[in-house]
Amino acid sequence: MSVERKVLLEKAFPEVRSFCRSLGLVFEVVDLSWGIRTFPYGDHEVGEIFLQEIQTSQKVSAGPAFVVSS
C-alpha cells in the first residue's frame, strides 16, 4: 500500500486539489492509518477513533467522499 499511497500523494491528490480549487472547493485528505504503525485487530478503541474522525469529517464538509482500502 505504500507505493499506492505515494502515487496518490505525489500525482493524484495535487491534480484533484487543483481541480477542486478551480471550482471554489477544498480537497482534504484524511488517512486514518497515518500515525498508526500497528494495532491489534478487534481493538474497539481504534475502531471508535476511526468512526469519530469520519463523523468530524461529515460535520465540516458539504459532502465527503470516502475511498477505502485495506
PDB file of N, CA and C in Angstrom:
ATOM      1  N   MET A   1       0.807  -1.197   0.000  1.00  0.00           N
ATOM      2  CA  MET A   1       0.000   0.000   0.000  1.00  0.00           C
ATOM      3  C   MET A   1       0.852   1.263   0.000  1.00  0.00           C
ATOM      4  N   SER A   2       2.092   1.181   0.412  1.00  0.00           N
ATOM      5  CA  SER A   2       2.927   2.383   0.481  1.00  0.00           C
ATOM      6  C   SER A   2       3.203   2.966  -0.903  1.00  0.00           C
ATOM      7  N   VAL A   3       3.358   2.110  -1.917  1.00  0.00           N
ATOM      8  CA  VAL A   3       3.581   2.602  -3.282  1.00  0.00           C
ATOM      9  C   VAL A   3       2.338   3.344  -3.771  1.00  0.00           C
ATOM     10  N   GLU A   4       1.185   2.764  -3.535  1.00  0.00           N
ATOM     11  CA  GLU A   4      -0.063   3.399  -3.949  1.00  0.00           C
ATOM     12  C   GLU A   4      -0.263   4.730  -3.240  1.00  0.00           C
ATOM     13  N   ARG A   5       0.008   4.756  -1.940  1.00  0.00           N
ATOM     14  CA  ARG A   5      -0.135   5.991  -1.168  1.00  0.00           C
ATOM     15  C   ARG A   5       0.792   7.073  -1.712  1.00  0.00           C
ATOM     16  N   LYS A   6       2.013   6.697  -2.045  1.00  0.00           N
ATOM     17  CA  LYS A   6       2.972   7.665  -2.577  1.00  0.00           C
ATOM     18  C   LYS A   6       2.474   8.257  -3.900  1.00  0.00           C
ATOM     19  N   VAL A   7       1.937   7.408  -4.775  1.00  0.00           N
ATOM     20  CA  VAL A   7       1.406   7.893  -6.057  1.00  0.00           C
ATOM     21  C   VAL A   7       0.225   8.830  -5.817  1.00  0.00           C
ATOM     22  N   LEU A   8      -0.647   8.460  -4.902  1.00  0.00           N
ATOM     23  CA  LEU A   8      -1.778   9.332  -4.593  1.00  0.00           C
ATOM     24  C   LEU A   8      -1.302  10.693  -4.091  1.00  0.00           C
ATOM     25  N   LEU A   9      -0.360  10.686  -3.169  1.00  0.00           N
ATOM     26  CA  LEU A   9       0.133  11.931  -2.590  1.00  0.00           C
ATOM     27  C   LEU A   9       0.874  12.795  -3.601  1.00  0.00           C
ATOM     28  N   GLU A  10       1.663  12.176  -4.462  1.00  0.00           N
ATOM     29  CA  GLU A  10       2.512  12.943  -5.375  1.00  0.00           C
ATOM     30  C   GLU A  10       1.844  13.285  -6.702  1.00  0.00           C
ATOM     31  N   LYS A  11       0.942  12.448  -7.172  1.00  0.00           N
ATOM     32  CA  LYS A  11       0.361  12.639  -8.512  1.00  0.00           C
ATOM     33  C   LYS A  11      -1.129  12.975  -8.466  1.00  0.00           C
ATOM     34  N   ALA A  12      -1.913  12.074  -7.889  1.00  0.00           N
ATOM     35  CA  ALA A  12      -3.365  12.211  -7.983  1.00  0.00           C
ATOM     36  C   ALA A  12      -3.908  13.359  -7.126  1.00  0.00           C
ATOM     37  N   PHE A  13      -3.517  13.416  -5.875  1.00  0.00           N
ATOM     38  CA  PHE A  13      -4.088  14.416  -4.981  1.00  0.00           C
ATOM     39  C   PHE A  13      -3.814  15.847  -5.439  1.00  0.00           C
ATOM     40  N   PRO A  14      -2.600  16.168  -5.897  1.00  0.00           N
ATOM     41  CA  PRO A  14      -2.391  17.542  -6.383  1.00  0.00           C
ATOM     42  C   PRO A  14      -3.317  17.905  -7.545  1.00  0.00           C
ATOM     43  N   GLU A  15      -3.569  16.963  -8.442  1.00  0.00           N
ATOM     44  CA  GLU A  15      -4.473  17.243  -9.559  1.00  0.00           C
ATOM     45  C   GLU A  15      -5.906  17.427  -9.073  1.00  0.00           C
ATOM     46  N   VAL A  16      -6.339  16.575  -8.171  1.00  0.00           N
ATOM     47  CA  VAL A  16      -7.697  16.695  -7.623  1.00  0.00           C
ATOM     48  C   VAL A  16      -7.821  18.007  -6.852  1.00  0.00           C
ATOM     49  N   ARG A  17      -6.813  18.346  -6.073  1.00  0.00           N
ATOM     50  CA  ARG A  17      -6.818  19.595  -5.293  1.00  0.00           C
ATOM     51  C   ARG A  17      -6.942  20.801  -6.224  1.00  0.00           C
ATOM     52  N   SER A  18      -6.179  20.785  -7.313  1.00  0.00           N
ATOM     53  CA  SER A  18      -6.223  21.880  -8.281  1.00  0.00           C
ATOM     54  C   SER A  18      -7.603  21.979  -8.935  1.00  0.00           C
ATOM     55  N   PHE A  19      -8.159  20.850  -9.320  1.00  0.00           N
ATOM     56  CA  PHE A  19      -9.491  20.827  -9.929  1.00  0.00           C
ATOM     57  C   PHE A  19     -10.529  21.386  -8.962  1.00  0.00           C
ATOM     58  N   CYS A  20     -10.484  20.924  -7.722  1.00  0.00           N
ATOM     59  CA  CYS A  20     -11.437  21.395  -6.719  1.00  0.00           C
ATOM     60  C   CYS A  20     -11.289  22.897  -6.495  1.00  0.00           C
ATOM     61  N   ARG A  21     -10.053  23.366  -6.416  1.00  0.00           N
ATOM     62  CA  ARG A  21      -9.803  24.787  -6.213  1.00  0.00           C
ATOM     63  C   ARG A  21     -10.413  25.612  -7.344  1.00  0.00           C
ATOM     64  N   SER A  22     -10.340  25.094  -8.583  1.00  0.00           N
ATOM     65  CA  SER A  22     -10.909  25.819  -9.725  1.00  0.00           C
ATOM     66  C   SER A  22     -12.429  25.954  -9.602  1.00  0.00           C
ATOM     67  N   LEU A  23     -13.042  25.092  -8.808  1.00  0.00           N
ATOM     68  CA  LEU A  23     -14.486  25.135  -8.583  1.00  0.00           C
ATOM     69  C   LEU A  23     -14.850  25.837  -7.274  1.00  0.00           C
ATOM     70  N   GLY A  24     -13.831  26.341  -6.593  1.00  0.00           N
ATOM     71  CA  GLY A  24     -14.074  27.003  -5.318  1.00  0.00           C
ATOM     72  C   GLY A  24     -14.262  26.038  -4.165  1.00  0.00           C
ATOM     73  N   LEU A  25     -13.791  24.823  -4.335  1.00  0.00           N
ATOM     74  CA  LEU A  25     -13.910  23.789  -3.303  1.00  0.00           C
ATOM     75  C   LEU A  25     -12.559  23.513  -2.670  1.00  0.00           C
ATOM     76  N   VAL A  26     -12.577  22.882  -1.523  1.00  0.00           N
ATOM     77  CA  VAL A  26     -11.355  22.494  -0.828  1.00  0.00           C
ATOM     78  C   VAL A  26     -11.300  20.974  -0.779  1.00  0.00           C
ATOM     79  N   PHE A  27     -10.172  20.415  -1.221  1.00  0.00           N
ATOM     80  CA  PHE A  27      -9.955  18.971  -1.175  1.00  0.00           C
ATOM     81  C   PHE A  27      -9.015  18.682  -0.016  1.00  0.00           C
ATOM     82  N   GLU A  28      -9.423  17.809   0.865  1.00  0.00           N
ATOM     83  CA  GLU A  28      -8.604  17.472   2.025  1.00  0.00           C
ATOM     84  C   GLU A  28      -8.498  15.962   2.151  1.00  0.00           C
ATOM     85  N   VAL A  29      -7.292  15.493   2.393  1.00  0.00           N
ATOM     86  CA  VAL A  29      -7.040  14.063   2.536  1.00  0.00           C
ATOM     87  C   VAL A  29      -7.034  13.705   4.019  1.00  0.00           C
ATOM     88  N   VAL A  30      -7.783  12.682   4.353  1.00  0.00           N
ATOM     89  CA  VAL A  30      -7.781  12.139   5.708  1.00  0.00           C
ATOM     90  C   VAL A  30      -7.476  10.661   5.577  1.00  0.00           C
ATOM     91  N   ASP A  31      -6.328  10.254   6.073  1.00  0.00           N
ATOM     92  CA  ASP A  31      -5.942   8.849   6.045  1.00  0.00           C
ATOM     93  C   ASP A  31      -5.907   8.364   7.483  1.00  0.00           C
ATOM     94  N   LEU A  32      -6.855   7.549   7.839  1.00  0.00           N
ATOM     95  CA  LEU A  32      -6.982   7.108   9.221  1.00  0.00           C
ATOM     96  C   LEU A  32      -5.833   6.225   9.680  1.00  0.00           C
ATOM     97  N   SER A  33      -5.063   5.712   8.747  1.00  0.00           N
ATOM     98  CA  SER A  33      -3.958   4.839   9.145  1.00  0.00           C
ATOM     99  C   SER A  33      -2.656   5.606   9.365  1.00  0.00           C
ATOM    100  N   TRP A  34      -2.589   6.877   8.985  1.00  0.00           N
ATOM    101  CA  TRP A  34      -1.364   7.646   9.216  1.00  0.00           C
ATOM    102  C   TRP A  34      -1.124   7.765  10.701  1.00  0.00           C
ATOM    103  N   GLY A  35       0.091   7.516  11.110  1.00  0.00           N
ATOM    104  CA  GLY A  35       0.457   7.628  12.505  1.00  0.00           C
ATOM    105  C   GLY A  35       0.173   6.390  13.329  1.00  0.00           C
ATOM    106  N   ILE A  36      -0.447   5.404  12.717  1.00  0.00           N
ATOM    107  CA  ILE A  36      -0.723   4.162  13.439  1.00  0.00           C
ATOM    108  C   ILE A  36       0.114   3.063  12.808  1.00  0.00           C
ATOM    109  N   ARG A  37       1.129   2.640  13.504  1.00  0.00           N
ATOM    110  CA  ARG A  37       2.028   1.598  12.988  1.00  0.00           C
ATOM    111  C   ARG A  37       1.341   0.232  13.007  1.00  0.00           C
ATOM    112  N   THR A  38       0.885  -0.142  14.163  1.00  0.00           N
ATOM    113  CA  THR A  38       0.197  -1.427  14.300  1.00  0.00           C
ATOM    114  C   THR A  38      -0.917  -1.247  15.317  1.00  0.00           C
ATOM    115  N   PHE A  39      -1.938  -1.998  15.150  1.00  0.00           N
ATOM    116  CA  PHE A  39      -2.985  -2.027  16.163  1.00  0.00           C
ATOM    117  C   PHE A  39      -3.598  -3.414  16.136  1.00  0.00           C
ATOM    118  N   PRO A  40      -3.918  -3.910  17.286  1.00  0.00           N
ATOM    119  CA  PRO A  40      -4.470  -5.258  17.343  1.00  0.00           C
ATOM    120  C   PRO A  40      -5.859  -5.306  16.720  1.00  0.00           C
ATOM    121  N   TYR A  41      -6.093  -6.309  15.890  1.00  0.00           N
ATOM    122  CA  TYR A  41      -7.415  -6.487  15.320  1.00  0.00           C
ATOM    123  C   TYR A  41      -8.390  -6.783  16.448  1.00  0.00           C
ATOM    124  N   GLY A  42      -9.544  -6.216  16.343  1.00  0.00           N
ATOM    125  CA  GLY A  42     -10.533  -6.401  17.392  1.00  0.00           C
ATOM    126  C   GLY A  42     -10.441  -5.351  18.480  1.00  0.00           C
ATOM    127  N   ASP A  43      -9.491  -4.431  18.369  1.00  0.00           N
ATOM    128  CA  ASP A  43      -9.360  -3.363  19.357  1.00  0.00           C
ATOM    129  C   ASP A  43     -10.461  -2.339  19.093  1.00  0.00           C
ATOM    130  N   HIS A  44     -11.475  -2.334  19.907  1.00  0.00           N
ATOM    131  CA  HIS A  44     -12.641  -1.473  19.694  1.00  0.00           C
ATOM    132  C   HIS A  44     -12.291   0.002  19.854  1.00  0.00           C
ATOM    133  N   GLU A  45     -11.263   0.301  20.609  1.00  0.00           N
ATOM    134  CA  GLU A  45     -10.872   1.699  20.795  1.00  0.00           C
ATOM    135  C   GLU A  45     -10.412   2.309  19.472  1.00  0.00           C
ATOM    136  N   VAL A  46      -9.633   1.581  18.691  1.00  0.00           N
ATOM    137  CA  VAL A  46      -9.165   2.074  17.401  1.00  0.00           C
ATOM    138  C   VAL A  46     -10.350   2.287  16.466  1.00  0.00           C
ATOM    139  N   GLY A  47     -11.254   1.353  16.420  1.00  0.00           N
ATOM    140  CA  GLY A  47     -12.445   1.494  15.593  1.00  0.00           C
ATOM    141  C   GLY A  47     -13.266   2.701  15.987  1.00  0.00           C
ATOM    142  N   GLU A  48     -13.373   2.939  17.271  1.00  0.00           N
ATOM    143  CA  GLU A  48     -14.118   4.094  17.767  1.00  0.00           C
ATOM    144  C   GLU A  48     -13.452   5.405  17.342  1.00  0.00           C
ATOM    145  N   ILE A  49     -12.137   5.443  17.383  1.00  0.00           N
ATOM    146  CA  ILE A  49     -11.402   6.633  16.943  1.00  0.00           C
ATOM    147  C   ILE A  49     -11.654   6.876  15.458  1.00  0.00           C
ATOM    148  N   PHE A  50     -11.620   5.828  14.666  1.00  0.00           N
ATOM    149  CA  PHE A  50     -11.877   5.958  13.225  1.00  0.00           C
ATOM    150  C   PHE A  50     -13.278   6.511  12.975  1.00  0.00           C
ATOM    151  N   LEU A  51     -14.274   5.981  13.671  1.00  0.00           N
ATOM    152  CA  LEU A  51     -15.640   6.448  13.498  1.00  0.00           C
ATOM    153  C   LEU A  51     -15.788   7.913  13.914  1.00  0.00           C
ATOM    154  N   GLN A  52     -15.105   8.317  14.971  1.00  0.00           N
ATOM    155  CA  GLN A  52     -15.144   9.716  15.399  1.00  0.00           C
ATOM    156  C   GLN A  52     -14.550  10.625  14.328  1.00  0.00           C
ATOM    157  N   GLU A  53     -13.469  10.196  13.696  1.00  0.00           N
ATOM    158  CA  GLU A  53     -12.848  11.002  12.639  1.00  0.00           C
ATOM    159  C   GLU A  53     -13.772  11.136  11.434  1.00  0.00           C
ATOM    160  N   ILE A  54     -14.468  10.067  11.088  1.00  0.00           N
ATOM    161  CA  ILE A  54     -15.435  10.128   9.985  1.00  0.00           C
ATOM    162  C   ILE A  54     -16.560  11.095  10.339  1.00  0.00           C
ATOM    163  N   GLN A  55     -17.052  11.039  11.559  1.00  0.00           N
ATOM    164  CA  GLN A  55     -18.117  11.949  11.982  1.00  0.00           C
ATOM    165  C   GLN A  55     -17.643  13.398  11.945  1.00  0.00           C
ATOM    166  N   THR A  56     -16.420  13.650  12.345  1.00  0.00           N
ATOM    167  CA  THR A  56     -15.859  15.000  12.284  1.00  0.00           C
ATOM    168  C   THR A  56     -15.792  15.472  10.842  1.00  0.00           C
ATOM    169  N   SER A  57     -15.352  14.613   9.939  1.00  0.00           N
ATOM    170  CA  SER A  57     -15.287  14.964   8.516  1.00  0.00           C
ATOM    171  C   SER A  57     -16.668  15.311   7.982  1.00  0.00           C
ATOM    172  N   GLN A  58     -17.665  14.561   8.384  1.00  0.00           N
ATOM    173  CA  GLN A  58     -19.026  14.815   7.920  1.00  0.00           C
ATOM    174  C   GLN A  58     -19.556  16.151   8.428  1.00  0.00           C
ATOM    175  N   LYS A  59     -19.137  16.563   9.611  1.00  0.00           N
ATOM    176  CA  LYS A  59     -19.598  17.828  10.183  1.00  0.00           C
ATOM    177  C   LYS A  59     -18.992  19.033   9.463  1.00  0.00           C
ATOM    178  N   VAL A  60     -17.741  18.920   9.031  1.00  0.00           N
ATOM    179  CA  VAL A  60     -17.055  20.080   8.460  1.00  0.00           C
ATOM    180  C   VAL A  60     -17.092  20.109   6.934  1.00  0.00           C
ATOM    181  N   SER A  61     -17.717  19.129   6.320  1.00  0.00           N
ATOM    182  CA  SER A  61     -17.724  19.050   4.866  1.00  0.00           C
ATOM    183  C   SER A  61     -19.135  19.122   4.322  1.00  0.00           C
ATOM    184  N   ALA A  62     -19.233  19.694   3.126  1.00  0.00           N
ATOM    185  CA  ALA A  62     -20.531  19.779   2.457  1.00  0.00           C
ATOM    186  C   ALA A  62     -20.960  18.424   1.913  1.00  0.00           C
ATOM    187  N   GLY A  63     -20.059  17.515   1.802  1.00  0.00           N
ATOM    188  CA  GLY A  63     -20.407  16.191   1.268  1.00  0.00           C
ATOM    189  C   GLY A  63     -19.175  15.364   1.025  1.00  0.00           C
ATOM    190  N   PRO A  64     -18.645  14.759   2.074  1.00  0.00           N
ATOM    191  CA  PRO A  64     -17.404  13.997   1.914  1.00  0.00           C
ATOM    192  C   PRO A  64     -17.599  12.748   1.063  1.00  0.00           C
ATOM    193  N   ALA A  65     -16.540  12.391   0.397  1.00  0.00           N
ATOM    194  CA  ALA A  65     -16.489  11.126  -0.320  1.00  0.00           C
ATOM    195  C   ALA A  65     -15.334  10.329   0.265  1.00  0.00           C
ATOM    196  N   PHE A  66     -15.541   9.050   0.421  1.00  0.00           N
ATOM    197  CA  PHE A  66     -14.516   8.224   1.038  1.00  0.00           C
ATOM    198  C   PHE A  66     -14.026   7.167   0.045  1.00  0.00           C
ATOM    199  N   VAL A  67     -12.727   7.007   0.003  1.00  0.00           N
ATOM    200  CA  VAL A  67     -12.108   5.907  -0.714  1.00  0.00           C
ATOM    201  C   VAL A  67     -11.509   5.014   0.345  1.00  0.00           C
ATOM    202  N   VAL A  68     -11.878   3.777   0.363  1.00  0.00           N
ATOM    203  CA  VAL A  68     -11.453   2.876   1.429  1.00  0.00           C
ATOM    204  C   VAL A  68     -10.603   1.765   0.850  1.00  0.00           C
ATOM    205  N   SER A  69      -9.518   1.460   1.536  1.00  0.00           N
ATOM    206  CA  SER A  69      -8.701   0.312   1.146  1.00  0.00           C
ATOM    207  C   SER A  69      -8.287  -0.412   2.417  1.00  0.00           C
ATOM    208  N   SER A  70      -7.886  -1.624   2.254  1.00  0.00           N
ATOM    209  CA  SER A  70      -7.451  -2.385   3.433  1.00  0.00           C
ATOM    210  C   SER A  70      -6.031  -2.835   3.261  1.00  0.00           C
TER     211      SER A  70
END
